[in-house]
Amino acid sequence: MSPDVPSPADGAAYERYRELGVSRDVNGDELKPSSLRLPHLSESEGDGCELVATAGDVVVRRVEQERIAMEDAARAVMRVANRFPRS
């Protein structure tokens, strides 16, 4: 993904959708920080991942993407899709 295209998984998205986030897994266990790095992410996605997964104290550890409004998700997908030539 191009770094100049807003990502559905970046730090700004975390701030926008934080109220949809969780700090516990399905068993009720607290989600812990992770040091796992994902090299395939864009810079903004990596920043978002670091904010949620690897940072110290955060409000939520995971924003559940299935809770994001379909209209918002569709706009994010279209922004990315429009960067590629149509055949």
PDB file of N, CA and C in Angstrom:
ATOM      1  N   MET A   1       0.849  -1.167   0.000  1.00  0.00           N
ATOM      2  CA  MET A   1       0.000   0.000   0.000  1.00  0.00           C
ATOM      3  C   MET A   1       0.896   1.232   0.000  1.00  0.00           C
ATOM      4  N   SER A   2       0.532   2.199  -0.741  1.00  0.00           N
ATOM      5  CA  SER A   2       1.294   3.433  -0.830  1.00  0.00           C
ATOM      6  C   SER A   2       1.199   4.203   0.476  1.00  0.00           C
ATOM      7  N   PRO A   3       2.333   4.772   0.970  1.00  0.00           N
ATOM      8  CA  PRO A   3       2.303   5.480   2.235  1.00  0.00           C
ATOM      9  C   PRO A   3       1.428   6.725   2.233  1.00  0.00           C
ATOM     10  N   ASP A   4       1.086   7.275   1.069  1.00  0.00           N
ATOM     11  CA  ASP A   4       0.265   8.481   1.055  1.00  0.00           C
ATOM     12  C   ASP A   4      -1.231   8.177   1.008  1.00  0.00           C
ATOM     13  N   VAL A   5      -1.595   6.912   0.994  1.00  0.00           N
ATOM     14  CA  VAL A   5      -3.002   6.527   1.004  1.00  0.00           C
ATOM     15  C   VAL A   5      -3.393   6.167   2.430  1.00  0.00           C
ATOM     16  N   PRO A   6      -4.412   6.836   2.990  1.00  0.00           N
ATOM     17  CA  PRO A   6      -4.832   6.476   4.336  1.00  0.00           C
ATOM     18  C   PRO A   6      -5.226   5.009   4.397  1.00  0.00           C
ATOM     19  N   SER A   7      -4.805   4.331   5.416  1.00  0.00           N
ATOM     20  CA  SER A   7      -5.083   2.915   5.562  1.00  0.00           C
ATOM     21  C   SER A   7      -6.192   2.694   6.574  1.00  0.00           C
ATOM     22  N   PRO A   8      -7.001   1.640   6.364  1.00  0.00           N
ATOM     23  CA  PRO A   8      -8.001   1.326   7.369  1.00  0.00           C
ATOM     24  C   PRO A   8      -7.384   0.833   8.664  1.00  0.00           C
ATOM     25  N   ALA A   9      -6.071   0.604   8.685  1.00  0.00           N
ATOM     26  CA  ALA A   9      -5.421   0.053   9.877  1.00  0.00           C
ATOM     27  C   ALA A   9      -4.367   0.991  10.456  1.00  0.00           C
ATOM     28  N   ASP A  10      -4.407   2.266  10.165  1.00  0.00           N
ATOM     29  CA  ASP A  10      -3.361   3.158  10.651  1.00  0.00           C
ATOM     30  C   ASP A  10      -3.722   3.792  11.994  1.00  0.00           C
ATOM     31  N   GLY A  11      -2.823   4.617  12.522  1.00  0.00           N
ATOM     32  CA  GLY A  11      -3.037   5.255  13.812  1.00  0.00           C
ATOM     33  C   GLY A  11      -4.250   6.153  13.853  1.00  0.00           C
ATOM     34  N   ALA A  12      -4.524   6.865  12.764  1.00  0.00           N
ATOM     35  CA  ALA A  12      -5.704   7.728  12.714  1.00  0.00           C
ATOM     36  C   ALA A  12      -6.971   6.896  12.813  1.00  0.00           C
ATOM     37  N   ALA A  13      -6.988   5.741  12.166  1.00  0.00           N
ATOM     38  CA  ALA A  13      -8.150   4.851  12.251  1.00  0.00           C
ATOM     39  C   ALA A  13      -8.329   4.353  13.678  1.00  0.00           C
ATOM     40  N   TYR A  14      -7.222   4.068  14.347  1.00  0.00           N
ATOM     41  CA  TYR A  14      -7.302   3.643  15.753  1.00  0.00           C
ATOM     42  C   TYR A  14      -7.993   4.717  16.589  1.00  0.00           C
ATOM     43  N   GLU A  15      -7.576   5.952  16.421  1.00  0.00           N
ATOM     44  CA  GLU A  15      -8.187   7.043  17.186  1.00  0.00           C
ATOM     45  C   GLU A  15      -9.674   7.191  16.849  1.00  0.00           C
ATOM     46  N   ARG A  16     -10.008   7.078  15.565  1.00  0.00           N
ATOM     47  CA  ARG A  16     -11.377   7.258  15.109  1.00  0.00           C
ATOM     48  C   ARG A  16     -12.304   6.156  15.631  1.00  0.00           C
ATOM     49  N   TYR A  17     -11.803   4.923  15.723  1.00  0.00           N
ATOM     50  CA  TYR A  17     -12.649   3.784  16.067  1.00  0.00           C
ATOM     51  C   TYR A  17     -12.322   3.168  17.425  1.00  0.00           C
ATOM     52  N   ARG A  18     -11.564   3.879  18.231  1.00  0.00           N
ATOM     53  CA  ARG A  18     -11.139   3.340  19.524  1.00  0.00           C
ATOM     54  C   ARG A  18     -12.320   2.861  20.373  1.00  0.00           C
ATOM     55  N   GLU A  19     -13.444   3.565  20.297  1.00  0.00           N
ATOM     56  CA  GLU A  19     -14.597   3.169  21.117  1.00  0.00           C
ATOM     57  C   GLU A  19     -15.140   1.795  20.726  1.00  0.00           C
ATOM     58  N   LEU A  20     -14.742   1.267  19.576  1.00  0.00           N
ATOM     59  CA  LEU A  20     -15.159  -0.065  19.135  1.00  0.00           C
ATOM     60  C   LEU A  20     -14.153  -1.137  19.547  1.00  0.00           C
ATOM     61  N   GLY A  21     -13.131  -0.724  20.266  1.00  0.00           N
ATOM     62  CA  GLY A  21     -12.045  -1.633  20.601  1.00  0.00           C
ATOM     63  C   GLY A  21     -12.299  -2.478  21.831  1.00  0.00           C
ATOM     64  N   VAL A  22     -11.425  -3.442  22.005  1.00  0.00           N
ATOM     65  CA  VAL A  22     -11.480  -4.345  23.152  1.00  0.00           C
ATOM     66  C   VAL A  22     -10.083  -4.477  23.757  1.00  0.00           C
ATOM     67  N   SER A  23     -10.058  -4.839  25.024  1.00  0.00           N
ATOM     68  CA  SER A  23      -8.796  -5.076  25.722  1.00  0.00           C
ATOM     69  C   SER A  23      -8.717  -6.485  26.275  1.00  0.00           C
ATOM     70  N   ARG A  24      -9.752  -7.272  25.982  1.00  0.00           N
ATOM     71  CA  ARG A  24      -9.800  -8.661  26.466  1.00  0.00           C
ATOM     72  C   ARG A  24     -10.160  -9.584  25.307  1.00  0.00           C
ATOM     73  N   ASP A  25      -9.665 -10.822  25.382  1.00  0.00           N
ATOM     74  CA  ASP A  25      -9.977 -11.801  24.343  1.00  0.00           C
ATOM     75  C   ASP A  25     -11.327 -12.453  24.624  1.00  0.00           C
ATOM     76  N   VAL A  26     -11.711 -13.418  23.800  1.00  0.00           N
ATOM     77  CA  VAL A  26     -13.021 -14.062  23.942  1.00  0.00           C
ATOM     78  C   VAL A  26     -13.173 -14.807  25.263  1.00  0.00           C
ATOM     79  N   ASN A  27     -12.066 -15.161  25.899  1.00  0.00           N
ATOM     80  CA  ASN A  27     -12.105 -15.845  27.188  1.00  0.00           C
ATOM     81  C   ASN A  27     -12.077 -14.875  28.362  1.00  0.00           C
ATOM     82  N   GLY A  28     -12.016 -13.569  28.055  1.00  0.00           N
ATOM     83  CA  GLY A  28     -11.971 -12.573  29.120  1.00  0.00           C
ATOM     84  C   GLY A  28     -10.576 -12.252  29.611  1.00  0.00           C
ATOM     85  N   ASP A  29      -9.570 -12.864  29.002  1.00  0.00           N
ATOM     86  CA  ASP A  29      -8.188 -12.604  29.399  1.00  0.00           C
ATOM     87  C   ASP A  29      -7.703 -11.294  28.796  1.00  0.00           C
ATOM     88  N   GLU A  30      -6.935 -10.543  29.562  1.00  0.00           N
ATOM     89  CA  GLU A  30      -6.406  -9.262  29.098  1.00  0.00           C
ATOM     90  C   GLU A  30      -5.448  -9.465  27.926  1.00  0.00           C
ATOM     91  N   LEU A  31      -5.628  -8.672  26.881  1.00  0.00           N
ATOM     92  CA  LEU A  31      -4.718  -8.716  25.736  1.00  0.00           C
ATOM     93  C   LEU A  31      -3.419  -8.028  26.141  1.00  0.00           C
ATOM     94  N   LYS A  32      -2.313  -8.681  25.923  1.00  0.00           N
ATOM     95  CA  LYS A  32      -0.996  -8.176  26.322  1.00  0.00           C
ATOM     96  C   LYS A  32      -0.287  -7.520  25.135  1.00  0.00           C
ATOM     97  N   PRO A  33       0.649  -6.608  25.424  1.00  0.00           N
ATOM     98  CA  PRO A  33       1.456  -6.038  24.333  1.00  0.00           C
ATOM     99  C   PRO A  33       2.262  -7.137  23.642  1.00  0.00           C
ATOM    100  N   SER A  34       2.575  -6.915  22.390  1.00  0.00           N
ATOM    101  CA  SER A  34       3.357  -7.864  21.601  1.00  0.00           C
ATOM    102  C   SER A  34       4.552  -7.152  20.989  1.00  0.00           C
ATOM    103  N   SER A  35       5.652  -7.872  20.850  1.00  0.00           N
ATOM    104  CA  SER A  35       6.822  -7.287  20.190  1.00  0.00           C
ATOM    105  C   SER A  35       6.932  -7.756  18.744  1.00  0.00           C
ATOM    106  N   LEU A  36       5.951  -8.521  18.272  1.00  0.00           N
ATOM    107  CA  LEU A  36       5.945  -9.026  16.899  1.00  0.00           C
ATOM    108  C   LEU A  36       5.894  -7.869  15.907  1.00  0.00           C
ATOM    109  N   ARG A  37       6.786  -7.877  14.930  1.00  0.00           N
ATOM    110  CA  ARG A  37       6.799  -6.879  13.866  1.00  0.00           C
ATOM    111  C   ARG A  37       6.287  -7.509  12.587  1.00  0.00           C
ATOM    112  N   LEU A  38       5.485  -6.771  11.854  1.00  0.00           N
ATOM    113  CA  LEU A  38       4.901  -7.264  10.612  1.00  0.00           C
ATOM    114  C   LEU A  38       5.479  -6.445   9.456  1.00  0.00           C
ATOM    115  N   PRO A  39       6.529  -6.942   8.807  1.00  0.00           N
ATOM    116  CA  PRO A  39       7.245  -6.155   7.803  1.00  0.00           C
ATOM    117  C   PRO A  39       6.455  -5.847   6.540  1.00  0.00           C
ATOM    118  N   HIS A  40       5.355  -6.538   6.282  1.00  0.00           N
ATOM    119  CA  HIS A  40       4.574  -6.309   5.063  1.00  0.00           C
ATOM    120  C   HIS A  40       3.627  -5.118   5.179  1.00  0.00           C
ATOM    121  N   LEU A  41       3.519  -4.506   6.356  1.00  0.00           N
ATOM    122  CA  LEU A  41       2.623  -3.361   6.527  1.00  0.00           C
ATOM    123  C   LEU A  41       3.245  -2.089   5.974  1.00  0.00           C
ATOM    124  N   SER A  42       2.386  -1.183   5.523  1.00  0.00           N
ATOM    125  CA  SER A  42       2.876   0.136   5.124  1.00  0.00           C
ATOM    126  C   SER A  42       3.348   0.868   6.376  1.00  0.00           C
ATOM    127  N   GLU A  43       3.987   2.004   6.199  1.00  0.00           N
ATOM    128  CA  GLU A  43       4.476   2.759   7.353  1.00  0.00           C
ATOM    129  C   GLU A  43       3.333   3.168   8.276  1.00  0.00           C
ATOM    130  N   SER A  44       2.230   3.679   7.704  1.00  0.00           N
ATOM    131  CA  SER A  44       1.106   4.107   8.546  1.00  0.00           C
ATOM    132  C   SER A  44       0.427   2.917   9.224  1.00  0.00           C
ATOM    133  N   GLU A  45       0.339   1.781   8.532  1.00  0.00           N
ATOM    134  CA  GLU A  45      -0.228   0.586   9.149  1.00  0.00           C
ATOM    135  C   GLU A  45       0.667   0.088  10.275  1.00  0.00           C
ATOM    136  N   GLY A  46       1.981   0.123  10.056  1.00  0.00           N
ATOM    137  CA  GLY A  46       2.925  -0.273  11.100  1.00  0.00           C
ATOM    138  C   GLY A  46       2.801   0.609  12.325  1.00  0.00           C
ATOM    139  N   ASP A  47       2.621   1.907  12.095  1.00  0.00           N
ATOM    140  CA  ASP A  47       2.421   2.834  13.214  1.00  0.00           C
ATOM    141  C   ASP A  47       1.153   2.476  13.985  1.00  0.00           C
ATOM    142  N   GLY A  48       0.087   2.166  13.262  1.00  0.00           N
ATOM    143  CA  GLY A  48      -1.165   1.781  13.910  1.00  0.00           C
ATOM    144  C   GLY A  48      -1.020   0.490  14.695  1.00  0.00           C
ATOM    145  N   CYS A  49      -0.325  -0.473  14.108  1.00  0.00           N
ATOM    146  CA  CYS A  49      -0.097  -1.749  14.782  1.00  0.00           C
ATOM    147  C   CYS A  49       0.742  -1.537  16.038  1.00  0.00           C
ATOM    148  N   GLU A  50       1.773  -0.723  15.918  1.00  0.00           N
ATOM    149  CA  GLU A  50       2.629  -0.449  17.071  1.00  0.00           C
ATOM    150  C   GLU A  50       1.840   0.231  18.182  1.00  0.00           C
ATOM    151  N   LEU A  51       0.982   1.151  17.808  1.00  0.00           N
ATOM    152  CA  LEU A  51       0.165   1.859  18.782  1.00  0.00           C
ATOM    153  C   LEU A  51      -0.716   0.894  19.565  1.00  0.00           C
ATOM    154  N   VAL A  52      -1.333  -0.040  18.878  1.00  0.00           N
ATOM    155  CA  VAL A  52      -2.264  -0.960  19.525  1.00  0.00           C
ATOM    156  C   VAL A  52      -1.542  -2.136  20.176  1.00  0.00           C
ATOM    157  N   ALA A  53      -0.674  -2.793  19.427  1.00  0.00           N
ATOM    158  CA  ALA A  53      -0.121  -4.066  19.879  1.00  0.00           C
ATOM    159  C   ALA A  53       1.139  -3.952  20.722  1.00  0.00           C
ATOM    160  N   THR A  54       1.997  -2.988  20.420  1.00  0.00           N
ATOM    161  CA  THR A  54       3.297  -3.002  21.079  1.00  0.00           C
ATOM    162  C   THR A  54       3.528  -1.853  22.035  1.00  0.00           C
ATOM    163  N   ALA A  55       2.678  -0.834  21.999  1.00  0.00           N
ATOM    164  CA  ALA A  55       2.863   0.307  22.889  1.00  0.00           C
ATOM    165  C   ALA A  55       2.565  -0.106  24.327  1.00  0.00           C
ATOM    166  N   GLY A  56       2.964   0.737  25.253  1.00  0.00           N
ATOM    167  CA  GLY A  56       2.725   0.473  26.673  1.00  0.00           C
ATOM    168  C   GLY A  56       1.253   0.563  27.005  1.00  0.00           C
ATOM    169  N   ASP A  57       0.879   1.579  27.743  1.00  0.00           N
ATOM    170  CA  ASP A  57      -0.509   1.739  28.165  1.00  0.00           C
ATOM    171  C   ASP A  57      -1.351   2.316  27.029  1.00  0.00           C
ATOM    172  N   VAL A  58      -2.359   1.579  26.627  1.00  0.00           N
ATOM    173  CA  VAL A  58      -3.307   2.038  25.618  1.00  0.00           C
ATOM    174  C   VAL A  58      -4.715   1.755  26.116  1.00  0.00           C
ATOM    175  N   VAL A  59      -5.679   2.458  25.565  1.00  0.00           N
ATOM    176  CA  VAL A  59      -7.070   2.276  25.976  1.00  0.00           C
ATOM    177  C   VAL A  59      -7.574   0.899  25.554  1.00  0.00           C
ATOM    178  N   VAL A  60      -7.307   0.514  24.304  1.00  0.00           N
ATOM    179  CA  VAL A  60      -7.714  -0.800  23.790  1.00  0.00           C
ATOM    180  C   VAL A  60      -6.540  -1.410  23.022  1.00  0.00           C
ATOM    181  N   ARG A  61      -6.475  -2.719  22.991  1.00  0.00           N
ATOM    182  CA  ARG A  61      -5.419  -3.426  22.266  1.00  0.00           C
ATOM    183  C   ARG A  61      -5.831  -3.854  20.873  1.00  0.00           C
ATOM    184  N   ARG A  62      -7.125  -3.872  20.610  1.00  0.00           N
ATOM    185  CA  ARG A  62      -7.576  -4.329  19.292  1.00  0.00           C
ATOM    186  C   ARG A  62      -8.862  -3.598  18.940  1.00  0.00           C
ATOM    187  N   VAL A  63      -8.920  -3.089  17.730  1.00  0.00           N
ATOM    188  CA  VAL A  63     -10.158  -2.526  17.210  1.00  0.00           C
ATOM    189  C   VAL A  63     -10.747  -3.593  16.300  1.00  0.00           C
ATOM    190  N   GLU A  64     -11.932  -4.035  16.624  1.00  0.00           N
ATOM    191  CA  GLU A  64     -12.550  -5.115  15.870  1.00  0.00           C
ATOM    192  C   GLU A  64     -13.139  -4.563  14.580  1.00  0.00           C
ATOM    193  N   GLN A  65     -12.493  -4.902  13.472  1.00  0.00           N
ATOM    194  CA  GLN A  65     -12.868  -4.324  12.183  1.00  0.00           C
ATOM    195  C   GLN A  65     -14.292  -4.653  11.774  1.00  0.00           C
ATOM    196  N   GLU A  66     -14.824  -5.762  12.230  1.00  0.00           N
ATOM    197  CA  GLU A  66     -16.199  -6.100  11.852  1.00  0.00           C
ATOM    198  C   GLU A  66     -17.230  -5.185  12.520  1.00  0.00           C
ATOM    199  N   ARG A  67     -16.807  -4.382  13.489  1.00  0.00           N
ATOM    200  CA  ARG A  67     -17.718  -3.442  14.143  1.00  0.00           C
ATOM    201  C   ARG A  67     -17.691  -2.063  13.492  1.00  0.00           C
ATOM    202  N   ILE A  68     -16.760  -1.832  12.567  1.00  0.00           N
ATOM    203  CA  ILE A  68     -16.678  -0.553  11.861  1.00  0.00           C
ATOM    204  C   ILE A  68     -17.829  -0.479  10.856  1.00  0.00           C
ATOM    205  N   ALA A  69     -18.456   0.682  10.785  1.00  0.00           N
ATOM    206  CA  ALA A  69     -19.593   0.858   9.873  1.00  0.00           C
ATOM    207  C   ALA A  69     -19.207   0.464   8.449  1.00  0.00           C
ATOM    208  N   MET A  70     -20.093  -0.244   7.777  1.00  0.00           N
ATOM    209  CA  MET A  70     -19.832  -0.715   6.418  1.00  0.00           C
ATOM    210  C   MET A  70     -19.497   0.441   5.478  1.00  0.00           C
ATOM    211  N   GLU A  71     -20.158   1.588   5.647  1.00  0.00           N
ATOM    212  CA  GLU A  71     -19.890   2.744   4.793  1.00  0.00           C
ATOM    213  C   GLU A  71     -18.451   3.226   4.954  1.00  0.00           C
ATOM    214  N   ASP A  72     -17.952   3.258   6.189  1.00  0.00           N
ATOM    215  CA  ASP A  72     -16.571   3.673   6.437  1.00  0.00           C
ATOM    216  C   ASP A  72     -15.594   2.674   5.827  1.00  0.00           C
ATOM    217  N   ALA A  73     -15.872   1.393   6.005  1.00  0.00           N
ATOM    218  CA  ALA A  73     -14.997   0.356   5.448  1.00  0.00           C
ATOM    219  C   ALA A  73     -14.980   0.430   3.921  1.00  0.00           C
ATOM    220  N   ALA A  74     -16.147   0.627   3.319  1.00  0.00           N
ATOM    221  CA  ALA A  74     -16.235   0.708   1.853  1.00  0.00           C
ATOM    222  C   ALA A  74     -15.444   1.900   1.332  1.00  0.00           C
ATOM    223  N   ARG A  75     -15.548   3.050   1.998  1.00  0.00           N
ATOM    224  CA  ARG A  75     -14.775   4.234   1.571  1.00  0.00           C
ATOM    225  C   ARG A  75     -13.274   3.966   1.651  1.00  0.00           C
ATOM    226  N   ALA A  76     -12.822   3.300   2.722  1.00  0.00           N
ATOM    227  CA  ALA A  76     -11.397   2.996   2.869  1.00  0.00           C
ATOM    228  C   ALA A  76     -10.926   2.050   1.764  1.00  0.00           C
ATOM    229  N   VAL A  77     -11.725   1.045   1.460  1.00  0.00           N
ATOM    230  CA  VAL A  77     -11.371   0.101   0.396  1.00  0.00           C
ATOM    231  C   VAL A  77     -11.326   0.813  -0.951  1.00  0.00           C
ATOM    232  N   MET A  78     -12.284   1.678  -1.214  1.00  0.00           N
ATOM    233  CA  MET A  78     -12.310   2.397  -2.488  1.00  0.00           C
ATOM    234  C   MET A  78     -11.115   3.342  -2.631  1.00  0.00           C
ATOM    235  N   ARG A  79     -10.694   3.989  -1.532  1.00  0.00           N
ATOM    236  CA  ARG A  79      -9.499   4.858  -1.599  1.00  0.00           C
ATOM    237  C   ARG A  79      -8.290   4.061  -2.035  1.00  0.00           C
ATOM    238  N   VAL A  80      -8.152   2.855  -1.510  1.00  0.00           N
ATOM    239  CA  VAL A  80      -7.017   2.009  -1.891  1.00  0.00           C
ATOM    240  C   VAL A  80      -7.200   1.508  -3.324  1.00  0.00           C
ATOM    241  N   ALA A  81      -8.377   1.016  -3.654  1.00  0.00           N
ATOM    242  CA  ALA A  81      -8.623   0.457  -4.989  1.00  0.00           C
ATOM    243  C   ALA A  81      -8.424   1.493  -6.088  1.00  0.00           C
ATOM    244  N   ASN A  82      -8.769   2.728  -5.811  1.00  0.00           N
ATOM    245  CA  ASN A  82      -8.643   3.781  -6.829  1.00  0.00           C
ATOM    246  C   ASN A  82      -7.193   4.139  -7.146  1.00  0.00           C
ATOM    247  N   ARG A  83      -6.257   3.652  -6.366  1.00  0.00           N
ATOM    248  CA  ARG A  83      -4.838   3.903  -6.634  1.00  0.00           C
ATOM    249  C   ARG A  83      -4.284   3.001  -7.727  1.00  0.00           C
ATOM    250  N   PHE A  84      -5.025   1.982  -8.088  1.00  0.00           N
ATOM    251  CA  PHE A  84      -4.543   1.008  -9.067  1.00  0.00           C
ATOM    252  C   PHE A  84      -5.245   1.202 -10.396  1.00  0.00           C
ATOM    253  N   PRO A  85      -4.498   1.039 -11.507  1.00  0.00           N
ATOM    254  CA  PRO A  85      -5.112   1.209 -12.825  1.00  0.00           C
ATOM    255  C   PRO A  85      -6.164   0.140 -13.081  1.00  0.00           C
ATOM    256  N   ARG A  86      -7.182   0.535 -13.796  1.00  0.00           N
ATOM    257  CA  ARG A  86      -8.237  -0.416 -14.166  1.00  0.00           C
ATOM    258  C   ARG A  86      -7.859  -1.039 -15.509  1.00  0.00           C
ATOM    259  N   SER A  87      -8.220  -2.298 -15.646  1.00  0.00           N
ATOM    260  CA  SER A  87      -7.902  -2.963 -16.919  1.00  0.00           C
ATOM    261  C   SER A  87      -9.125  -3.124 -17.776  1.00  0.00           C
TER     262      SER A  87
END
